[in-house]
């Protein structure tokens, strides 16, 4: 069985996903989509066969893009959370034991800590 470099495959997949989100989120792609929808709306170019083709294509693209966007969002959230954790650790005035890993706590705990943090910020500002 050949040796598979999973890290390299994972890196390439992340790179491809990032490229796809950049491409589909570009101004050119958005303008093209608006143009196609505009032509579709006024009935230019498209008969029922082409309309079915466009509908099928948009369904497939939408399905795949949901997963691509979620993957990108998860990666960006992890990176942002890591940066925030590093800032918490570097700031001596904050109780990092209470705040580190807060995103994994129940909503009630997060709201309690949020109220406490906002109260502390108001107290130090005034």
N, C-alpha and C. Protein backbone atom coordinates (compact mmCIF):
# COMPACT_ATOMS: atom_id res chain seq x y z
N UNK A 1 0.84 -1.17 0.00
CA UNK A 1 0.00 0.00 0.00
C UNK A 1 0.90 1.25 0.00
N UNK A 2 0.67 2.17 -0.92
CA UNK A 2 1.54 3.35 -1.00
C UNK A 2 1.33 4.27 0.21
N UNK A 3 2.40 4.96 0.56
CA UNK A 3 2.36 5.89 1.67
C UNK A 3 1.63 7.17 1.24
N UNK A 4 0.55 7.52 1.92
CA UNK A 4 -0.25 8.69 1.57
C UNK A 4 0.10 9.83 2.54
N UNK A 5 0.48 10.95 1.97
CA UNK A 5 0.79 12.13 2.78
C UNK A 5 -0.49 12.93 2.99
N UNK A 6 -1.18 12.62 4.09
CA UNK A 6 -2.48 13.24 4.36
C UNK A 6 -2.35 14.75 4.61
N UNK A 7 -1.25 15.16 5.21
CA UNK A 7 -1.06 16.58 5.47
C UNK A 7 -0.98 17.35 4.16
N UNK A 8 -0.27 16.80 3.21
CA UNK A 8 -0.13 17.46 1.91
C UNK A 8 -1.47 17.51 1.17
N UNK A 9 -2.22 16.41 1.23
CA UNK A 9 -3.54 16.37 0.59
C UNK A 9 -4.47 17.38 1.25
N UNK A 10 -4.44 17.44 2.59
CA UNK A 10 -5.27 18.38 3.33
C UNK A 10 -4.91 19.82 2.97
N UNK A 11 -3.61 20.11 2.87
CA UNK A 11 -3.16 21.45 2.51
C UNK A 11 -3.64 21.81 1.11
N UNK A 12 -3.50 20.90 0.17
CA UNK A 12 -3.95 21.16 -1.21
C UNK A 12 -5.46 21.36 -1.28
N UNK A 13 -6.20 20.56 -0.51
CA UNK A 13 -7.66 20.70 -0.50
C UNK A 13 -8.05 22.06 0.07
N UNK A 14 -7.42 22.48 1.18
CA UNK A 14 -7.70 23.81 1.74
C UNK A 14 -7.37 24.92 0.76
N UNK A 15 -6.26 24.75 0.05
CA UNK A 15 -5.87 25.74 -0.96
C UNK A 15 -6.90 25.81 -2.08
N UNK A 16 -7.38 24.67 -2.53
CA UNK A 16 -8.39 24.63 -3.60
C UNK A 16 -9.71 25.25 -3.11
N UNK A 17 -10.09 24.96 -1.87
CA UNK A 17 -11.32 25.52 -1.32
C UNK A 17 -11.21 27.03 -1.20
N UNK A 18 -10.08 27.52 -0.74
CA UNK A 18 -9.88 28.97 -0.62
C UNK A 18 -9.94 29.64 -1.99
N UNK A 19 -9.32 29.00 -2.98
CA UNK A 19 -9.35 29.54 -4.34
C UNK A 19 -10.77 29.58 -4.91
N UNK A 20 -11.54 28.54 -4.60
CA UNK A 20 -12.92 28.48 -5.08
C UNK A 20 -13.76 29.59 -4.45
N UNK A 21 -13.62 29.79 -3.14
CA UNK A 21 -14.39 30.86 -2.50
C UNK A 21 -13.98 32.23 -3.00
N UNK A 22 -12.69 32.42 -3.27
CA UNK A 22 -12.24 33.69 -3.85
C UNK A 22 -12.84 33.89 -5.24
N UNK A 23 -12.83 32.82 -6.05
CA UNK A 23 -13.33 32.92 -7.41
C UNK A 23 -14.83 33.21 -7.43
N UNK A 24 -15.62 32.44 -6.67
CA UNK A 24 -17.06 32.62 -6.68
C UNK A 24 -17.49 33.87 -5.92
N UNK A 25 -16.63 34.40 -5.08
CA UNK A 25 -16.95 35.62 -4.36
C UNK A 25 -16.41 36.87 -5.03
N UNK A 26 -15.81 36.72 -6.21
CA UNK A 26 -15.22 37.87 -6.91
C UNK A 26 -16.31 38.73 -7.56
N UNK A 27 -15.97 39.95 -7.82
CA UNK A 27 -16.89 40.88 -8.47
C UNK A 27 -17.28 40.36 -9.85
N UNK A 28 -16.35 39.76 -10.56
CA UNK A 28 -16.64 39.21 -11.89
C UNK A 28 -17.69 38.10 -11.82
N UNK A 29 -17.53 37.20 -10.87
CA UNK A 29 -18.50 36.10 -10.73
C UNK A 29 -19.88 36.63 -10.35
N UNK A 30 -19.91 37.60 -9.46
CA UNK A 30 -21.20 38.17 -9.05
C UNK A 30 -21.86 38.89 -10.23
N UNK A 31 -21.08 39.65 -10.98
CA UNK A 31 -21.64 40.34 -12.15
C UNK A 31 -22.16 39.35 -13.19
N UNK A 32 -21.42 38.27 -13.41
CA UNK A 32 -21.86 37.25 -14.35
C UNK A 32 -23.16 36.59 -13.87
N UNK A 33 -23.26 36.30 -12.59
CA UNK A 33 -24.48 35.70 -12.05
C UNK A 33 -25.67 36.64 -12.19
N UNK A 34 -25.46 37.92 -11.91
CA UNK A 34 -26.53 38.91 -12.05
C UNK A 34 -26.95 39.01 -13.52
N UNK A 35 -26.00 38.97 -14.44
CA UNK A 35 -26.31 39.02 -15.87
C UNK A 35 -27.13 37.82 -16.31
N UNK A 36 -26.72 36.63 -15.89
CA UNK A 36 -27.46 35.41 -16.25
C UNK A 36 -28.87 35.44 -15.68
N UNK A 37 -29.00 35.84 -14.42
CA UNK A 37 -30.32 35.91 -13.80
C UNK A 37 -31.18 36.96 -14.50
N UNK A 38 -30.58 38.08 -14.86
CA UNK A 38 -31.31 39.12 -15.59
C UNK A 38 -31.82 38.62 -16.93
N UNK A 39 -30.96 37.93 -17.67
CA UNK A 39 -31.38 37.38 -18.97
C UNK A 39 -32.45 36.31 -18.77
N UNK A 40 -32.29 35.51 -17.75
CA UNK A 40 -33.24 34.45 -17.44
C UNK A 40 -34.61 35.06 -17.10
N UNK A 41 -34.58 36.17 -16.34
CA UNK A 41 -35.81 36.82 -15.92
C UNK A 41 -36.59 37.38 -17.10
N UNK A 42 -35.91 38.00 -18.04
CA UNK A 42 -36.60 38.60 -19.19
C UNK A 42 -36.82 37.59 -20.31
N UNK A 43 -36.35 36.36 -20.15
CA UNK A 43 -36.63 35.29 -21.11
C UNK A 43 -35.72 35.25 -22.32
N UNK A 44 -34.59 35.95 -22.27
CA UNK A 44 -33.65 35.90 -23.39
C UNK A 44 -32.89 34.59 -23.38
N UNK A 45 -32.54 34.11 -24.51
CA UNK A 45 -31.66 32.95 -24.71
C UNK A 45 -32.23 31.60 -24.31
N UNK A 46 -33.08 31.55 -23.35
CA UNK A 46 -33.35 30.27 -22.72
C UNK A 46 -34.71 29.70 -23.11
N UNK A 47 -34.70 28.47 -23.61
CA UNK A 47 -35.94 27.72 -23.78
C UNK A 47 -36.07 26.79 -22.58
N UNK A 48 -37.06 25.93 -22.56
CA UNK A 48 -37.31 25.10 -21.37
C UNK A 48 -36.15 24.13 -21.10
N UNK A 49 -35.50 23.63 -22.15
CA UNK A 49 -34.37 22.71 -21.95
C UNK A 49 -33.20 23.43 -21.27
N UNK A 50 -32.88 24.60 -21.76
CA UNK A 50 -31.79 25.38 -21.17
C UNK A 50 -32.13 25.83 -19.76
N UNK A 51 -33.42 26.11 -19.54
CA UNK A 51 -33.84 26.50 -18.21
C UNK A 51 -33.66 25.35 -17.22
N UNK A 52 -33.99 24.14 -17.62
CA UNK A 52 -33.78 22.97 -16.76
C UNK A 52 -32.29 22.78 -16.49
N UNK A 53 -31.46 23.00 -17.50
CA UNK A 53 -30.02 22.87 -17.33
C UNK A 53 -29.50 23.89 -16.32
N UNK A 54 -29.95 25.13 -16.44
CA UNK A 54 -29.52 26.17 -15.50
C UNK A 54 -30.00 25.84 -14.09
N UNK A 55 -31.23 25.39 -13.97
CA UNK A 55 -31.77 25.04 -12.65
C UNK A 55 -30.96 23.91 -12.02
N UNK A 56 -30.65 22.90 -12.80
CA UNK A 56 -29.84 21.78 -12.28
C UNK A 56 -28.45 22.25 -11.88
N UNK A 57 -27.84 23.06 -12.73
CA UNK A 57 -26.50 23.57 -12.45
C UNK A 57 -26.49 24.40 -11.17
N UNK A 58 -27.46 25.29 -11.01
CA UNK A 58 -27.49 26.14 -9.81
C UNK A 58 -27.75 25.31 -8.55
N UNK A 59 -28.54 24.26 -8.67
CA UNK A 59 -28.78 23.39 -7.52
C UNK A 59 -27.49 22.70 -7.08
N UNK A 60 -26.75 22.17 -8.03
CA UNK A 60 -25.49 21.49 -7.72
C UNK A 60 -24.48 22.47 -7.14
N UNK A 61 -24.34 23.63 -7.77
CA UNK A 61 -23.38 24.62 -7.30
C UNK A 61 -23.75 25.09 -5.89
N UNK A 62 -25.02 25.33 -5.65
CA UNK A 62 -25.46 25.75 -4.32
C UNK A 62 -25.14 24.70 -3.27
N UNK A 63 -25.42 23.45 -3.58
CA UNK A 63 -25.15 22.36 -2.65
C UNK A 63 -23.68 22.28 -2.29
N UNK A 64 -22.82 22.34 -3.29
CA UNK A 64 -21.38 22.25 -3.06
C UNK A 64 -20.86 23.50 -2.33
N UNK A 65 -21.35 24.67 -2.73
CA UNK A 65 -20.86 25.91 -2.12
C UNK A 65 -21.21 26.02 -0.65
N UNK A 66 -22.32 25.43 -0.22
CA UNK A 66 -22.65 25.45 1.20
C UNK A 66 -21.53 24.80 2.01
N UNK A 67 -21.03 23.68 1.54
CA UNK A 67 -19.96 22.98 2.26
C UNK A 67 -18.64 23.73 2.14
N UNK A 68 -18.37 24.30 0.99
CA UNK A 68 -17.13 25.06 0.81
C UNK A 68 -17.12 26.29 1.71
N UNK A 69 -18.23 27.01 1.75
CA UNK A 69 -18.31 28.21 2.59
C UNK A 69 -18.20 27.84 4.06
N UNK A 70 -18.86 26.75 4.47
CA UNK A 70 -18.78 26.33 5.86
C UNK A 70 -17.36 25.95 6.25
N UNK A 71 -16.67 25.26 5.36
CA UNK A 71 -15.28 24.88 5.62
C UNK A 71 -14.40 26.12 5.79
N UNK A 72 -14.59 27.09 4.91
CA UNK A 72 -13.82 28.33 4.99
C UNK A 72 -14.14 29.07 6.29
N UNK A 73 -15.42 29.14 6.62
CA UNK A 73 -15.84 29.83 7.85
C UNK A 73 -15.26 29.15 9.09
N UNK A 74 -15.27 27.83 9.12
CA UNK A 74 -14.71 27.10 10.26
C UNK A 74 -13.23 27.39 10.41
N UNK A 75 -12.48 27.37 9.31
CA UNK A 75 -11.03 27.61 9.35
C UNK A 75 -10.75 29.03 9.84
N UNK A 76 -11.51 30.02 9.32
CA UNK A 76 -11.31 31.40 9.73
C UNK A 76 -11.67 31.60 11.20
N UNK A 77 -12.72 30.93 11.66
CA UNK A 77 -13.11 31.03 13.07
C UNK A 77 -12.04 30.45 13.99
N UNK A 78 -11.49 29.30 13.60
CA UNK A 78 -10.42 28.70 14.41
C UNK A 78 -9.20 29.62 14.48
N UNK A 79 -8.85 30.22 13.35
CA UNK A 79 -7.70 31.13 13.33
C UNK A 79 -7.96 32.35 14.20
N UNK A 80 -9.16 32.92 14.08
CA UNK A 80 -9.50 34.10 14.88
C UNK A 80 -9.52 33.75 16.36
N UNK A 81 -10.07 32.59 16.71
CA UNK A 81 -10.12 32.19 18.11
C UNK A 81 -8.71 32.00 18.67
N UNK A 82 -7.82 31.44 17.88
CA UNK A 82 -6.44 31.25 18.31
C UNK A 82 -5.76 32.59 18.56
N UNK A 83 -6.01 33.55 17.68
CA UNK A 83 -5.43 34.88 17.86
C UNK A 83 -5.97 35.54 19.13
N UNK A 84 -7.27 35.42 19.34
CA UNK A 84 -7.86 36.01 20.56
C UNK A 84 -7.32 35.34 21.82
N UNK A 85 -7.17 34.02 21.78
CA UNK A 85 -6.60 33.31 22.93
C UNK A 85 -5.19 33.80 23.22
N UNK A 86 -4.40 34.02 22.18
CA UNK A 86 -3.03 34.52 22.37
C UNK A 86 -3.05 35.90 23.00
N UNK A 87 -3.98 36.75 22.60
CA UNK A 87 -4.09 38.08 23.20
C UNK A 87 -4.52 37.99 24.66
N UNK A 88 -5.43 37.08 24.98
CA UNK A 88 -5.85 36.90 26.37
C UNK A 88 -4.68 36.47 27.24
N UNK A 89 -3.90 35.54 26.74
CA UNK A 89 -2.75 35.05 27.50
C UNK A 89 -1.73 36.17 27.70
N UNK A 90 -1.58 37.04 26.72
CA UNK A 90 -0.59 38.12 26.81
C UNK A 90 -1.06 39.27 27.71
N UNK A 91 -2.36 39.40 27.94
CA UNK A 91 -2.89 40.51 28.73
C UNK A 91 -3.00 40.09 30.20
N UNK A 92 -2.19 40.70 31.06
CA UNK A 92 -2.14 40.33 32.47
C UNK A 92 -3.40 40.73 33.24
N UNK A 93 -4.13 41.76 32.77
CA UNK A 93 -5.29 42.25 33.52
C UNK A 93 -6.50 41.32 33.40
N UNK A 94 -6.52 40.45 32.41
CA UNK A 94 -7.68 39.59 32.18
C UNK A 94 -7.51 38.23 32.86
N UNK A 95 -8.60 37.63 33.22
CA UNK A 95 -8.59 36.30 33.81
C UNK A 95 -8.69 35.28 32.67
N UNK A 96 -7.54 34.88 32.16
CA UNK A 96 -7.56 33.99 30.99
C UNK A 96 -8.14 32.62 31.30
N UNK A 97 -8.05 32.19 32.55
CA UNK A 97 -8.62 30.88 32.90
C UNK A 97 -10.13 30.87 32.68
N UNK A 98 -10.76 32.01 32.91
CA UNK A 98 -12.21 32.12 32.73
C UNK A 98 -12.57 32.30 31.26
N UNK A 99 -11.72 32.96 30.50
CA UNK A 99 -12.07 33.30 29.13
C UNK A 99 -11.56 32.31 28.08
N UNK A 100 -10.44 31.65 28.33
CA UNK A 100 -9.92 30.69 27.35
C UNK A 100 -10.89 29.53 27.20
N UNK A 101 -11.21 29.18 25.99
CA UNK A 101 -12.12 28.08 25.73
C UNK A 101 -13.58 28.42 25.96
N UNK A 102 -13.88 29.69 26.12
CA UNK A 102 -15.25 30.13 26.39
C UNK A 102 -16.21 29.72 25.27
N UNK A 103 -15.71 29.68 24.03
CA UNK A 103 -16.57 29.34 22.89
C UNK A 103 -17.12 27.92 22.97
N UNK A 104 -16.55 27.09 23.83
CA UNK A 104 -17.01 25.71 23.98
C UNK A 104 -17.97 25.55 25.16
N UNK A 105 -18.21 26.62 25.90
CA UNK A 105 -19.10 26.58 27.06
C UNK A 105 -20.56 26.72 26.62
N UNK A 106 -21.49 26.39 27.52
CA UNK A 106 -22.92 26.59 27.21
C UNK A 106 -23.25 28.07 27.05
N UNK A 107 -24.32 28.35 26.33
CA UNK A 107 -24.71 29.74 26.07
C UNK A 107 -24.92 30.54 27.35
N UNK A 108 -25.49 29.93 28.37
CA UNK A 108 -25.74 30.64 29.62
C UNK A 108 -24.43 31.12 30.24
N UNK A 109 -23.40 30.28 30.20
CA UNK A 109 -22.09 30.66 30.74
C UNK A 109 -21.49 31.80 29.94
N UNK A 110 -21.60 31.71 28.61
CA UNK A 110 -21.07 32.77 27.75
C UNK A 110 -21.76 34.10 28.06
N UNK A 111 -23.08 34.08 28.22
CA UNK A 111 -23.82 35.32 28.52
C UNK A 111 -23.41 35.88 29.88
N UNK A 112 -23.20 35.02 30.88
CA UNK A 112 -22.76 35.49 32.20
C UNK A 112 -21.40 36.17 32.12
N UNK A 113 -20.46 35.53 31.42
CA UNK A 113 -19.12 36.10 31.28
C UNK A 113 -19.18 37.39 30.46
N UNK A 114 -20.02 37.42 29.43
CA UNK A 114 -20.17 38.63 28.61
C UNK A 114 -20.66 39.79 29.47
N UNK A 115 -21.65 39.54 30.32
CA UNK A 115 -22.16 40.58 31.21
C UNK A 115 -21.07 41.07 32.16
N UNK A 116 -20.29 40.12 32.70
CA UNK A 116 -19.20 40.47 33.61
C UNK A 116 -18.13 41.29 32.90
N UNK A 117 -17.74 40.88 31.68
CA UNK A 117 -16.71 41.61 30.92
C UNK A 117 -17.19 43.01 30.59
N UNK A 118 -18.43 43.15 30.16
CA UNK A 118 -18.95 44.47 29.82
C UNK A 118 -19.04 45.35 31.06
N UNK A 119 -19.38 44.75 32.19
CA UNK A 119 -19.42 45.50 33.45
C UNK A 119 -18.03 45.96 33.86
N UNK A 120 -17.02 45.11 33.68
CA UNK A 120 -15.63 45.48 34.02
C UNK A 120 -15.12 46.56 33.09
N UNK A 121 -15.48 46.52 31.82
CA UNK A 121 -15.02 47.55 30.88
C UNK A 121 -15.64 48.89 31.25
N UNK A 122 -16.95 48.89 31.60
CA UNK A 122 -17.61 50.14 31.99
C UNK A 122 -17.01 50.69 33.27
N UNK A 123 -16.67 49.82 34.22
CA UNK A 123 -16.10 50.24 35.50
C UNK A 123 -14.71 50.87 35.32
N UNK A 124 -13.90 50.33 34.39
CA UNK A 124 -12.56 50.87 34.20
C UNK A 124 -12.58 52.13 33.34
N UNK A 125 -13.61 52.31 32.52
CA UNK A 125 -13.70 53.50 31.68
C UNK A 125 -14.16 54.72 32.48
N UNK A 126 -15.01 54.51 33.49
CA UNK A 126 -15.62 55.62 34.22
C UNK A 126 -14.81 55.98 35.37
